[in-house]
């Protein structure tokens, strides 16, 4: 075999792996942007709805624009910009719109939000005029915690006509590192095969190549990390001359614990924890004879007893230990033992063991990356289904769960009550103390509402100071009791810093299947009942009673 063949093959392996990682990362990015776009679009709608509720569903703004008192309106626009830092510009347009409350699009990387201006009871809006708010889309991304992407004029299509790019290269350090390690592993294997062919030891190194190939295939399939530690250890014992048993110690937090073992009782060894100082001392000398281990691990009697009974420490004649490092940190150690000879391992054994230790280190990196990805996915799923401010379900998740709950009620022939809640005396908190204080008050009230409902109920923040709940299998007595608890807990004073606020709530109720059998109809009827209660000075109203004139 030519001396250039290992290098060329390793280079080819590196190029192929980098290409695979790049295509995989690119595909993942496209999927990620698509999922993130759905969440961002919903969040932007909630943001626009909040702005609309705060400033453009307000009789004062309605009067100013109806009477062309634009100079006075501009003062309120400046107030809006101070409360919503992402808004860069607000202007009045002499245009009409074919939408209900607001419309969103983009231009030059900025979000353009067009609002109709209504009076307080939504009975009329300013005809022939719209308000345009130009919003910094990048600041909204940052506000919603989407730090992995940025708005760009040349990036991938996002939402509302925006484009975005990743804040870091598609091909990350781990992918390049993995490719380098695998390419180096291939190079070392081929180099060793080439060197040993001339010394009539081809069989041994073919076995090494087969073992590393099996490990690489197992690794690239993304198999379970705990199992691959064991597989690498088993293959190392098969290949390293004179190895009869072994173990792998992994760093977890600030301790080292056993995660794989051959020839020992792993269940018992896993009860042992080594400190960093003890492990560092153990790693000082890679090849140890029986005499080198005398006195080691003698401080802890419990550990020593386990090692004697289940780790066969008194039988070991020779031990080979190789660390795997990530930067300056020793993340694990790879141990091989022989029970027959003190000279069982030599420099050649050490080099082969190092190769296996590198594979174990690479597995450690992959497991860490998988854990980070899973954590990010769980966080993304949570944000996709929950309101950012109150941690309650958002409108999209409520509608999804609500449909399932109604389907269950249909099968079990149960009644479901839908409550539409609108807070009273909440706007003055925003006007007098600022939106930051208003947000804190909403968090408190959202937490209270979540506790007052049953585990079988579904509660959501619809936007602004409106909440919606579905109560499963709720009869008249249960409903009356629950409404009283809601009024009591909402009207309890909210204390924030040195301020105390008193709010109330109007509630509209619609019952499945008496009032309607579809979720959107129940929401609409409950909304109407809530406005009826607000108009009549009632705490609550039931849709069926309005329809019958009661």
Protein backbone atom coordinates (compact mmCIF):
# COMPACT_ATOMS: atom_id res chain seq x y z
CA UNK A 1 0.00 0.00 0.00
CA UNK A 2 1.36 3.41 -0.98
CA UNK A 3 2.18 5.75 1.90
CA UNK A 4 -0.10 8.39 0.32
CA UNK A 5 -3.20 6.17 0.30
CA UNK A 6 -4.13 6.66 4.02
CA UNK A 7 -3.89 10.43 3.63
CA UNK A 8 -6.00 10.49 0.45
CA UNK A 9 -8.64 8.17 1.90
CA UNK A 10 -8.79 10.21 5.12
CA UNK A 11 -9.17 13.40 3.08
CA UNK A 12 -12.00 11.80 1.10
CA UNK A 13 -13.72 10.70 4.33
CA UNK A 14 -13.41 14.23 5.69
CA UNK A 15 -14.92 15.81 2.55
CA UNK A 16 -17.81 13.31 2.46
CA UNK A 17 -18.61 13.78 6.15
CA UNK A 18 -18.45 17.58 5.95
CA UNK A 19 -20.82 17.44 2.96
CA UNK A 20 -23.24 15.18 4.85
CA UNK A 21 -23.15 17.37 7.96
CA UNK A 22 -23.65 20.51 5.85
CA UNK A 23 -26.66 19.12 3.97
CA UNK A 24 -28.15 17.82 7.22
CA UNK A 25 -27.62 21.16 8.98
CA UNK A 26 -29.09 23.06 6.05
CA UNK A 27 -32.18 20.84 6.06
CA UNK A 28 -32.52 21.27 9.83
CA UNK A 29 -32.21 25.05 9.46
CA UNK A 30 -34.98 25.16 6.86
CA UNK A 31 -37.26 23.11 9.12
CA UNK A 32 -36.29 25.23 12.11
CA UNK A 33 -37.06 28.49 10.27
CA UNK A 34 -40.44 27.11 9.19
CA UNK A 35 -41.39 26.19 12.78
CA UNK A 36 -39.99 29.44 14.12
CA UNK A 37 -41.91 31.39 11.48
CA UNK A 38 -45.22 29.99 12.73
CA UNK A 39 -44.38 30.96 16.30
CA UNK A 40 -43.10 34.42 15.27
CA UNK A 41 -46.20 35.09 13.18
CA UNK A 42 -48.47 34.20 16.13
CA UNK A 43 -46.36 36.33 18.48
CA UNK A 44 -46.45 39.30 16.09
CA UNK A 45 -50.25 38.98 15.83
CA UNK A 46 -50.46 38.99 19.64
CA UNK A 47 -48.16 42.03 19.74
CA UNK A 48 -50.26 43.88 17.14
CA UNK A 49 -53.44 42.93 18.98
CA UNK A 50 -51.97 44.32 22.20
CA UNK A 51 -51.04 47.60 20.47
CA UNK A 52 -54.53 47.75 18.93
CA UNK A 53 -56.25 47.16 22.28
CA UNK A 54 -54.03 49.75 24.00
CA UNK A 55 -54.36 52.64 21.53
CA UNK A 56 -56.65 51.97 18.57
CA UNK A 57 -59.76 50.57 20.25
CA UNK A 58 -60.13 53.74 22.27
CA UNK A 59 -62.77 56.48 22.00
CA UNK A 60 -60.21 59.24 22.63
CA UNK A 61 -58.11 58.21 19.62
CA UNK A 62 -61.34 57.71 17.63
CA UNK A 63 -62.44 61.30 18.34
CA UNK A 64 -59.04 62.82 17.49
CA UNK A 65 -58.82 61.12 14.09
CA UNK A 66 -62.50 61.62 13.28
CA UNK A 67 -62.04 65.37 13.85
CA UNK A 68 -58.61 65.51 12.09
CA UNK A 69 -56.93 66.65 15.31
CA UNK A 70 -53.69 65.05 14.14
CA UNK A 71 -51.35 67.21 16.21
CA UNK A 72 -53.01 65.99 19.41
CA UNK A 73 -52.99 62.44 18.07
CA UNK A 74 -49.24 62.70 17.42
CA UNK A 75 -48.69 63.19 21.17
CA UNK A 76 -50.38 59.85 21.81
CA UNK A 77 -48.30 58.32 19.02
CA UNK A 78 -45.12 59.40 20.82
CA UNK A 79 -46.50 57.83 24.01
CA UNK A 80 -47.14 54.61 22.08
CA UNK A 81 -43.53 54.61 20.85
CA UNK A 82 -42.25 55.07 24.39
CA UNK A 83 -44.32 52.10 25.60
CA UNK A 84 -43.52 49.87 22.64
CA UNK A 85 -39.79 50.32 22.03
CA UNK A 86 -39.88 48.30 18.82
CA UNK A 87 -42.14 50.87 17.09
CA UNK A 88 -40.01 53.31 15.09
CA UNK A 89 -42.65 55.44 13.36
CA UNK A 90 -46.41 56.07 13.59
CA UNK A 91 -48.38 57.99 10.97
CA UNK A 92 -51.97 58.47 9.79
CA UNK A 93 -52.88 57.33 6.26
CA UNK A 94 -55.88 58.56 4.31
CA UNK A 95 -56.74 55.05 3.20
CA UNK A 96 -59.33 52.37 3.83
CA UNK A 97 -58.68 48.73 4.67
CA UNK A 98 -60.58 45.47 4.03
CA UNK A 99 -59.57 43.96 7.41
CA UNK A 100 -61.24 43.98 10.84
CA UNK A 101 -58.72 45.42 13.30
CA UNK A 102 -55.21 45.30 11.86
CA UNK A 103 -53.14 44.06 8.96
CA UNK A 104 -49.43 43.15 8.91
CA UNK A 105 -46.90 43.15 6.08
CA UNK A 106 -43.29 44.26 5.64
CA UNK A 107 -41.07 46.59 3.65
CA UNK A 108 -37.26 46.92 3.65
CA UNK A 109 -36.93 44.53 6.58
CA UNK A 110 -39.43 46.42 8.74
CA UNK A 111 -42.89 45.25 9.78
CA UNK A 112 -45.74 47.53 8.71
CA UNK A 113 -48.80 47.25 10.95
CA UNK A 114 -51.97 48.96 9.70
CA UNK A 115 -54.67 49.64 12.32
CA UNK A 116 -58.31 50.67 12.12
CA UNK A 117 -59.34 52.99 14.95
CA UNK A 118 -62.48 51.98 16.89
CA UNK A 119 -64.36 53.54 19.77
CA UNK A 120 -64.47 51.82 23.16
CA UNK A 121 -67.52 49.63 22.50
CA UNK A 122 -66.46 48.72 18.92
CA UNK A 123 -69.69 50.16 17.52
CA UNK A 124 -67.89 52.33 14.95
CA UNK A 125 -64.46 52.99 13.45
CA UNK A 126 -62.85 55.95 11.67
CA UNK A 127 -63.71 55.59 7.99
CA UNK A 128 -61.12 56.51 5.36
CA UNK A 129 -58.21 56.61 7.81
CA UNK A 130 -55.68 54.02 8.92
CA UNK A 131 -52.74 54.27 11.32
CA UNK A 132 -49.43 52.82 10.14
CA UNK A 133 -46.90 51.64 12.74
CA UNK A 134 -43.43 50.79 11.41
CA UNK A 135 -41.91 48.14 13.71
CA UNK A 136 -38.29 46.94 13.91
CA UNK A 137 -38.64 43.21 13.13
CA UNK A 138 -35.18 42.43 14.54
CA UNK A 139 -36.09 43.94 17.91
CA UNK A 140 -39.24 41.81 17.97
CA UNK A 141 -37.14 38.71 17.31
CA UNK A 142 -34.93 39.64 20.26
CA UNK A 143 -37.97 40.40 22.42
CA UNK A 144 -39.44 36.97 21.75
CA UNK A 145 -36.11 35.24 22.55
CA UNK A 146 -35.34 34.15 18.96
CA UNK A 147 -31.60 34.77 19.13
CA UNK A 148 -30.48 32.12 16.64
CA UNK A 149 -31.61 34.08 13.56
CA UNK A 150 -31.46 37.67 12.33
CA UNK A 151 -33.47 39.62 9.76
CA UNK A 152 -31.59 39.95 6.44
CA UNK A 153 -32.51 41.25 3.01
CA UNK A 154 -30.82 38.27 1.29
CA UNK A 155 -31.67 35.39 3.64
CA UNK A 156 -34.26 32.62 3.56
CA UNK A 157 -37.94 33.50 3.22
CA UNK A 158 -39.47 33.90 6.69
CA UNK A 159 -42.94 35.38 7.36
CA UNK A 160 -44.77 38.57 6.31
CA UNK A 161 -42.34 38.91 3.41
CA UNK A 162 -39.29 39.06 5.72
CA UNK A 163 -36.08 37.10 5.17
CA UNK A 164 -33.69 35.75 7.77
CA UNK A 165 -30.26 34.20 8.27
CA UNK A 166 -28.62 32.18 11.04
CA UNK A 167 -26.48 34.13 13.50
CA UNK A 168 -23.81 31.46 13.21
CA UNK A 169 -22.48 29.36 10.28
CA UNK A 170 -24.66 26.47 9.10
CA UNK A 171 -21.74 24.11 9.65
CA UNK A 172 -20.90 24.23 13.37
CA UNK A 173 -17.68 23.40 15.20
CA UNK A 174 -18.96 20.02 16.36
CA UNK A 175 -19.63 18.84 12.79
CA UNK A 176 -16.17 19.88 11.63
CA UNK A 177 -14.60 18.35 14.74
CA UNK A 178 -16.48 15.06 14.23
CA UNK A 179 -15.40 14.96 10.59
CA UNK A 180 -11.79 15.60 11.56
CA UNK A 181 -11.87 12.91 14.27
CA UNK A 182 -13.41 10.32 11.93
CA UNK A 183 -10.99 11.23 9.15
CA UNK A 184 -8.06 11.01 11.57
CA UNK A 185 -9.38 7.70 12.84
CA UNK A 186 -9.55 6.39 9.28
CA UNK A 187 -6.05 7.71 8.60
CA UNK A 188 -4.64 6.10 11.75
CA UNK A 189 -6.31 2.79 11.02
CA UNK A 190 -5.09 2.73 7.42
CA UNK A 191 -1.64 3.89 8.48
CA UNK A 192 -1.43 1.15 11.08
CA UNK A 193 -2.67 -1.40 8.58
CA UNK A 194 -0.03 -0.24 6.09
CA UNK A 195 2.74 -0.43 8.66
CA UNK A 196 1.75 -3.83 9.98
CA UNK A 197 1.27 -5.53 6.63
CA UNK A 198 5.02 -5.54 6.21
CA UNK A 199 5.42 -7.11 9.64
CA UNK A 200 2.99 -9.98 9.01
CA UNK A 201 0.41 -8.60 11.43
CA UNK A 202 -2.34 -7.84 8.95
CA UNK A 203 -4.95 -9.93 10.72
CA UNK A 204 -4.78 -7.96 13.96
CA UNK A 205 -5.12 -4.59 12.30
CA UNK A 206 -7.87 -5.76 9.99
CA UNK A 207 -9.75 -6.65 13.15
CA UNK A 208 -9.09 -3.13 14.46
CA UNK A 209 -10.38 -1.61 11.23
CA UNK A 210 -13.54 -3.72 11.36
CA UNK A 211 -14.15 -2.72 14.98
CA UNK A 212 -13.74 0.98 14.24
CA UNK A 213 -15.94 0.67 11.15
CA UNK A 214 -18.73 -0.92 13.22
CA UNK A 215 -18.40 1.79 15.85
CA UNK A 216 -18.49 4.52 13.18
CA UNK A 217 -21.62 3.05 11.61
CA UNK A 218 -23.30 2.76 15.00
CA UNK A 219 -22.32 6.31 15.88
CA UNK A 220 -23.51 7.83 12.58
CA UNK A 221 -26.89 6.15 13.05
CA UNK A 222 -27.30 8.22 16.20
CA UNK A 223 -27.74 5.27 18.55
CA UNK A 224 -28.11 5.60 22.34
CA UNK A 225 -25.00 7.07 23.99
CA UNK A 226 -24.92 4.75 27.02
CA UNK A 227 -24.94 1.71 24.74
CA UNK A 228 -22.19 3.01 22.47
CA UNK A 229 -19.86 3.49 25.46
CA UNK A 230 -20.28 -0.22 26.13
CA UNK A 231 -19.81 -1.13 22.45
CA UNK A 232 -16.56 0.84 22.13
CA UNK A 233 -15.23 -0.77 25.31
CA UNK A 234 -16.10 -4.28 24.10
CA UNK A 235 -14.40 -3.68 20.73
CA UNK A 236 -11.31 -2.26 22.45
CA UNK A 237 -10.96 -5.39 24.59
CA UNK A 238 -11.26 -7.52 21.44
CA UNK A 239 -8.54 -5.54 19.63
CA UNK A 240 -6.02 -4.30 22.22
CA UNK A 241 -3.52 -7.13 22.86
CA UNK A 242 -3.82 -8.74 26.31
CA UNK A 243 -6.87 -6.68 27.38
CA UNK A 244 -9.18 -8.92 29.44
CA UNK A 245 -11.52 -6.40 31.14
CA UNK A 246 -12.16 -2.69 31.24
CA UNK A 247 -14.38 0.24 32.16
CA UNK A 248 -15.33 3.77 31.12
CA UNK A 249 -15.57 6.58 33.66
CA UNK A 250 -17.59 9.66 32.63
CA UNK A 251 -17.58 13.09 34.25
CA UNK A 252 -21.04 14.14 35.43
CA UNK A 253 -21.07 17.57 37.06
CA UNK A 254 -17.96 17.47 39.28
CA UNK A 255 -17.79 13.67 39.79
CA UNK A 256 -16.61 10.71 37.68
CA UNK A 257 -18.92 7.68 37.49
CA UNK A 258 -18.82 4.31 35.70
CA UNK A 259 -20.99 4.14 32.52
CA UNK A 260 -19.59 0.97 30.90
CA UNK A 261 -17.81 -2.17 32.11
CA UNK A 262 -16.61 -5.55 30.80
CA UNK A 263 -15.56 -8.23 33.29
CA UNK A 264 -17.03 -6.28 36.22
CA UNK A 265 -20.44 -5.68 37.79
CA UNK A 266 -21.44 -2.32 36.29
CA UNK A 267 -24.53 -2.00 38.50
CA UNK A 268 -22.34 -2.08 41.62
CA UNK A 269 -19.50 0.02 40.17
CA UNK A 270 -21.98 2.74 39.20
CA UNK A 271 -22.52 3.39 42.93
CA UNK A 272 -18.96 4.78 43.13
CA UNK A 273 -18.17 8.46 42.60
CA UNK A 274 -14.61 9.78 42.23
CA UNK A 275 -13.65 13.38 42.87
CA UNK A 276 -11.66 15.31 40.28
CA UNK A 277 -8.54 15.18 42.46
CA UNK A 278 -8.69 11.37 42.79
CA UNK A 279 -9.30 10.92 39.07
CA UNK A 280 -6.46 13.30 38.17
CA UNK A 281 -4.09 11.27 40.35
CA UNK A 282 -5.24 8.03 38.69
CA UNK A 283 -4.51 9.46 35.23
CA UNK A 284 -0.94 10.58 36.00
CA UNK A 285 0.58 7.32 34.75
CA UNK A 286 -1.08 5.68 31.67
CA UNK A 287 0.32 2.14 32.18
CA UNK A 288 0.22 0.81 35.74
CA UNK A 289 1.55 -2.39 37.21
CA UNK A 290 0.13 -4.09 40.29
CA UNK A 291 2.74 -2.46 42.46
CA UNK A 292 1.70 1.02 41.20
CA UNK A 293 -1.86 0.48 42.42
CA UNK A 294 -0.93 -0.43 45.98
CA UNK A 295 -2.39 2.19 48.30
CA UNK A 296 -4.66 3.71 45.61
CA UNK A 297 -8.36 4.16 46.62
CA UNK A 298 -7.58 3.13 50.20
CA UNK A 299 -9.05 6.30 51.77
CA UNK A 300 -12.72 5.40 51.23
CA UNK A 301 -13.55 2.04 52.85
CA UNK A 302 -16.96 1.76 51.13
CA UNK A 303 -15.42 2.40 47.68
CA UNK A 304 -12.60 -0.03 48.42
CA UNK A 305 -15.07 -2.75 49.41
CA UNK A 306 -17.01 -2.37 46.15
CA UNK A 307 -13.79 -2.40 44.09
CA UNK A 308 -12.57 -5.55 45.85
CA UNK A 309 -15.85 -7.43 45.49
CA UNK A 310 -17.12 -6.20 42.12
CA UNK A 311 -14.11 -4.46 40.51
CA UNK A 312 -11.60 -7.29 41.10
CA UNK A 313 -8.99 -4.68 42.10
CA UNK A 314 -6.81 -7.21 43.96
CA UNK A 315 -6.63 -9.45 40.86
CA UNK A 316 -5.44 -6.77 38.40
CA UNK A 317 -1.82 -7.23 37.31
CA UNK A 318 -1.62 -4.44 34.72
CA UNK A 319 -3.88 -1.47 33.95
CA UNK A 320 -3.98 0.86 30.93
CA UNK A 321 -5.77 4.19 31.39
CA UNK A 322 -6.29 6.87 28.71
CA UNK A 323 -8.11 10.19 29.26
CA UNK A 324 -10.28 12.01 26.72
CA UNK A 325 -10.17 15.81 26.91
CA UNK A 326 -12.43 18.55 25.55
CA UNK A 327 -10.32 21.68 25.73
CA UNK A 328 -8.65 21.65 29.14
CA UNK A 329 -11.34 19.48 30.73
CA UNK A 330 -10.94 15.71 31.17
CA UNK A 331 -14.45 14.47 30.39
CA UNK A 332 -13.83 10.72 30.73
CA UNK A 333 -11.23 8.00 31.15
CA UNK A 334 -10.88 4.72 29.26
CA UNK A 335 -9.51 1.82 31.35
CA UNK A 336 -8.27 -1.63 30.25
CA UNK A 337 -6.97 -4.36 32.57
CA UNK A 338 -5.06 -7.65 32.50
CA UNK A 339 -5.15 -10.25 35.31
CA UNK A 340 -2.12 -12.35 34.30
CA UNK A 341 1.00 -10.24 33.53
CA UNK A 342 2.46 -6.97 34.80
CA UNK A 343 3.94 -6.24 31.35
CA UNK A 344 0.71 -6.97 29.47
CA UNK A 345 0.53 -3.51 27.87
CA UNK A 346 3.14 -1.59 25.91
CA UNK A 347 3.35 1.61 23.82
CA UNK A 348 1.52 -0.04 20.92
CA UNK A 349 -1.37 -0.97 23.24
CA UNK A 350 -1.44 2.60 24.51
CA UNK A 351 -1.74 4.08 21.01
CA UNK A 352 -4.61 1.75 20.10
CA UNK A 353 -6.36 2.53 23.40
CA UNK A 354 -6.01 6.26 22.69
CA UNK A 355 -7.81 5.78 19.40
CA UNK A 356 -10.76 4.15 21.18
CA UNK A 357 -10.67 6.87 23.87
CA UNK A 358 -10.99 9.49 21.12
CA UNK A 359 -14.09 7.74 19.86
CA UNK A 360 -15.57 7.75 23.36
CA UNK A 361 -14.82 11.47 23.62
CA UNK A 362 -16.55 12.07 20.32
CA UNK A 363 -19.62 10.21 21.61
CA UNK A 364 -19.60 12.44 24.68
CA UNK A 365 -19.72 15.53 22.46
CA UNK A 366 -22.59 14.08 20.44
CA UNK A 367 -24.61 13.28 23.56
CA UNK A 368 -24.09 16.82 24.86
CA UNK A 369 -25.17 18.29 21.53
CA UNK A 370 -28.26 16.03 21.43
CA UNK A 371 -29.19 17.15 24.95
CA UNK A 372 -28.91 20.81 23.89
CA UNK A 373 -31.02 20.20 20.78
CA UNK A 374 -33.69 18.37 22.80
CA UNK A 375 -33.75 21.20 25.34
CA UNK A 376 -34.14 23.76 22.53
CA UNK A 377 -36.91 21.70 20.94
CA UNK A 378 -38.76 21.44 24.27
CA UNK A 379 -38.41 25.19 24.77
CA UNK A 380 -39.60 25.89 21.20
CA UNK A 381 -42.60 23.60 21.67
CA UNK A 382 -43.45 25.32 24.95
CA UNK A 383 -43.17 28.80 23.42
CA UNK A 384 -45.20 27.66 20.42
CA UNK A 385 -48.09 26.65 22.69
CA UNK A 386 -47.92 29.22 25.49
CA UNK A 387 -48.37 32.94 25.95
CA UNK A 388 -44.96 34.55 26.52
CA UNK A 389 -46.19 36.85 29.28
CA UNK A 390 -48.48 34.68 31.45
CA UNK A 391 -47.31 31.13 30.56
CA UNK A 392 -50.94 30.19 29.89
CA UNK A 393 -51.91 28.49 26.64
CA UNK A 394 -51.97 30.87 23.67
CA UNK A 395 -54.91 31.17 21.32
CA UNK A 396 -53.57 28.66 18.78
CA UNK A 397 -52.98 25.96 21.42
CA UNK A 398 -56.34 26.70 23.08
CA UNK A 399 -58.18 26.17 19.80
CA UNK A 400 -56.27 22.91 19.19
CA UNK A 401 -56.95 21.51 22.68
CA UNK A 402 -60.48 22.89 22.64
CA UNK A 403 -61.39 20.93 19.52
CA UNK A 404 -60.12 17.74 21.18
CA UNK A 405 -62.04 18.50 24.37
CA UNK A 406 -65.30 19.04 22.46
CA UNK A 407 -64.74 15.80 20.53
CA UNK A 408 -64.35 13.97 23.86
CA UNK A 409 -67.47 15.66 25.23
CA UNK A 410 -69.41 14.56 22.16
CA UNK A 411 -68.37 10.92 22.67
CA UNK A 412 -69.10 10.96 26.39
CA UNK A 413 -72.21 13.17 26.05
CA UNK A 414 -70.91 15.74 28.50
CA UNK A 415 -71.51 19.47 28.67
CA UNK A 416 -68.69 21.98 28.31
CA UNK A 417 -68.87 25.61 29.43
CA UNK A 418 -66.81 28.23 27.58
CA UNK A 419 -66.00 31.37 29.59
CA UNK A 420 -64.86 34.60 27.91
CA UNK A 421 -63.23 36.90 30.52
CA UNK A 422 -62.44 40.59 30.06
CA UNK A 423 -60.68 42.48 32.84
CA UNK A 424 -62.20 45.71 34.20
CA UNK A 425 -60.22 48.76 35.33
CA UNK A 426 -57.05 47.33 33.81
CA UNK A 427 -56.30 50.02 31.21
CA UNK A 428 -55.61 52.67 33.92
CA UNK A 429 -52.75 50.51 35.19
CA UNK A 430 -51.06 50.77 31.78
CA UNK A 431 -51.90 54.47 31.41
CA UNK A 432 -50.83 55.56 34.89
CA UNK A 433 -47.99 53.17 35.73
CA UNK A 434 -46.74 52.04 32.31
CA UNK A 435 -46.99 48.83 30.34
CA UNK A 436 -44.20 47.15 32.33
CA UNK A 437 -46.31 47.38 35.49
CA UNK A 438 -49.35 46.29 33.47
CA UNK A 439 -47.47 43.21 32.27
CA UNK A 440 -46.55 42.31 35.86
CA UNK A 441 -50.18 42.63 36.88
CA UNK A 442 -51.25 40.38 33.99
CA UNK A 443 -48.72 37.75 35.14
CA UNK A 444 -50.21 37.78 38.64
CA UNK A 445 -53.79 37.56 37.36
CA UNK A 446 -52.90 34.82 34.86
CA UNK A 447 -51.31 32.79 37.66
CA UNK A 448 -54.42 33.22 39.80
CA UNK A 449 -56.73 32.10 37.00
CA UNK A 450 -54.59 29.03 36.30
CA UNK A 451 -54.94 27.95 39.95
CA UNK A 452 -58.68 28.53 40.24
CA UNK A 453 -59.59 26.17 37.37
CA UNK A 454 -59.51 22.36 37.55
CA UNK A 455 -56.81 20.20 35.92
CA UNK A 456 -59.39 18.97 33.41
CA UNK A 457 -60.16 22.56 32.30
CA UNK A 458 -58.33 24.50 29.59
CA UNK A 459 -57.47 28.18 30.21
CA UNK A 460 -55.82 30.58 27.76
CA UNK A 461 -54.85 34.20 27.30
CA UNK A 462 -56.41 35.40 24.05
CA UNK A 463 -54.52 38.69 23.99
CA UNK A 464 -54.46 41.98 25.84
CA UNK A 465 -56.54 41.61 29.00
CA UNK A 466 -58.85 38.88 27.64
CA UNK A 467 -58.84 35.25 28.81
CA UNK A 468 -60.86 32.21 27.70
CA UNK A 469 -61.49 28.92 29.55
CA UNK A 470 -63.19 25.62 28.74
CA UNK A 471 -64.81 23.76 31.67
CA UNK A 472 -65.39 20.04 31.03
CA UNK A 473 -68.47 18.29 32.46
CA UNK A 474 -69.65 21.46 34.17
CA UNK A 475 -73.30 21.65 35.35
CA UNK A 476 -75.15 24.68 36.67
CA UNK A 477 -74.09 24.29 40.31
CA UNK A 478 -70.42 23.77 39.43
CA UNK A 479 -70.50 26.72 37.05
CA UNK A 480 -71.99 29.08 39.64
CA UNK A 481 -69.42 28.03 42.24
CA UNK A 482 -66.56 28.45 39.79
CA UNK A 483 -67.75 31.89 38.66
CA UNK A 484 -67.86 33.04 42.28
CA UNK A 485 -64.29 31.80 42.82
CA UNK A 486 -63.14 33.61 39.67
CA UNK A 487 -64.72 36.90 40.77
CA UNK A 488 -63.23 36.51 44.23
CA UNK A 489 -59.68 35.76 43.09
CA UNK A 490 -59.61 38.40 40.33
CA UNK A 491 -61.00 41.14 42.59
CA UNK A 492 -58.41 40.38 45.28
CA UNK A 493 -56.01 43.40 45.32
CA UNK A 494 -52.83 43.06 43.24
CA UNK A 495 -49.79 44.33 45.14
CA UNK A 496 -46.68 45.19 43.11
CA UNK A 497 -43.76 46.99 44.73
CA UNK A 498 -45.40 49.79 46.76
CA UNK A 499 -48.56 49.95 44.63
CA UNK A 500 -51.91 48.20 45.03
CA UNK A 501 -54.38 47.71 42.18
CA UNK A 502 -58.00 46.62 42.21
CA UNK A 503 -59.43 45.12 39.02
CA UNK A 504 -62.63 43.34 38.13
CA UNK A 505 -63.86 41.07 35.37
CA UNK A 506 -66.86 40.62 33.05
CA UNK A 507 -67.57 37.04 31.98
CA UNK A 508 -69.59 35.73 29.08
CA UNK A 509 -70.66 32.06 29.12
CA UNK A 510 -71.67 29.73 26.27
CA UNK A 511 -72.57 26.05 26.81
CA UNK A 512 -71.82 23.06 24.56
CA UNK A 513 -73.98 21.61 23.05
CA UNK A 514 -76.93 23.77 24.18
CA UNK A 515 -75.75 27.08 22.66
CA UNK A 516 -73.46 25.80 19.87
CA UNK A 517 -71.54 22.68 18.83
CA UNK A 518 -68.49 24.31 17.19
CA UNK A 519 -65.65 25.93 19.13
CA UNK A 520 -65.55 29.15 17.08
CA UNK A 521 -69.32 29.61 17.57
CA UNK A 522 -68.99 29.08 21.32
CA UNK A 523 -66.22 31.69 21.46
CA UNK A 524 -68.30 34.18 19.46
CA UNK A 525 -71.41 33.66 21.64
CA UNK A 526 -69.44 33.89 24.87
CA UNK A 527 -67.80 37.09 23.59
CA UNK A 528 -71.23 38.57 22.84
CA UNK A 529 -72.48 37.55 26.28
CA UNK A 530 -69.45 39.20 27.90
CA UNK A 531 -70.15 42.50 26.09
CA UNK A 532 -73.81 42.20 27.08
CA UNK A 533 -72.77 41.85 30.73
CA UNK A 534 -70.37 44.80 30.42
CA UNK A 535 -73.11 46.97 28.80
CA UNK A 536 -75.75 46.04 31.39
CA UNK A 537 -73.43 46.45 34.38
CA UNK A 538 -73.54 42.72 35.17
CA UNK A 539 -70.67 40.56 36.34
CA UNK A 540 -71.57 37.79 33.92
CA UNK A 541 -74.13 36.78 31.32
CA UNK A 542 -75.03 33.43 29.72
CA UNK A 543 -75.59 33.30 25.95
CA UNK A 544 -78.81 31.28 26.15
CA UNK A 545 -80.38 33.76 28.58
CA UNK A 546 -79.63 36.67 26.25
CA UNK A 547 -81.26 34.86 23.33
CA UNK A 548 -84.42 34.13 25.38
CA UNK A 549 -84.64 37.73 26.56
CA UNK A 550 -84.01 36.90 30.23
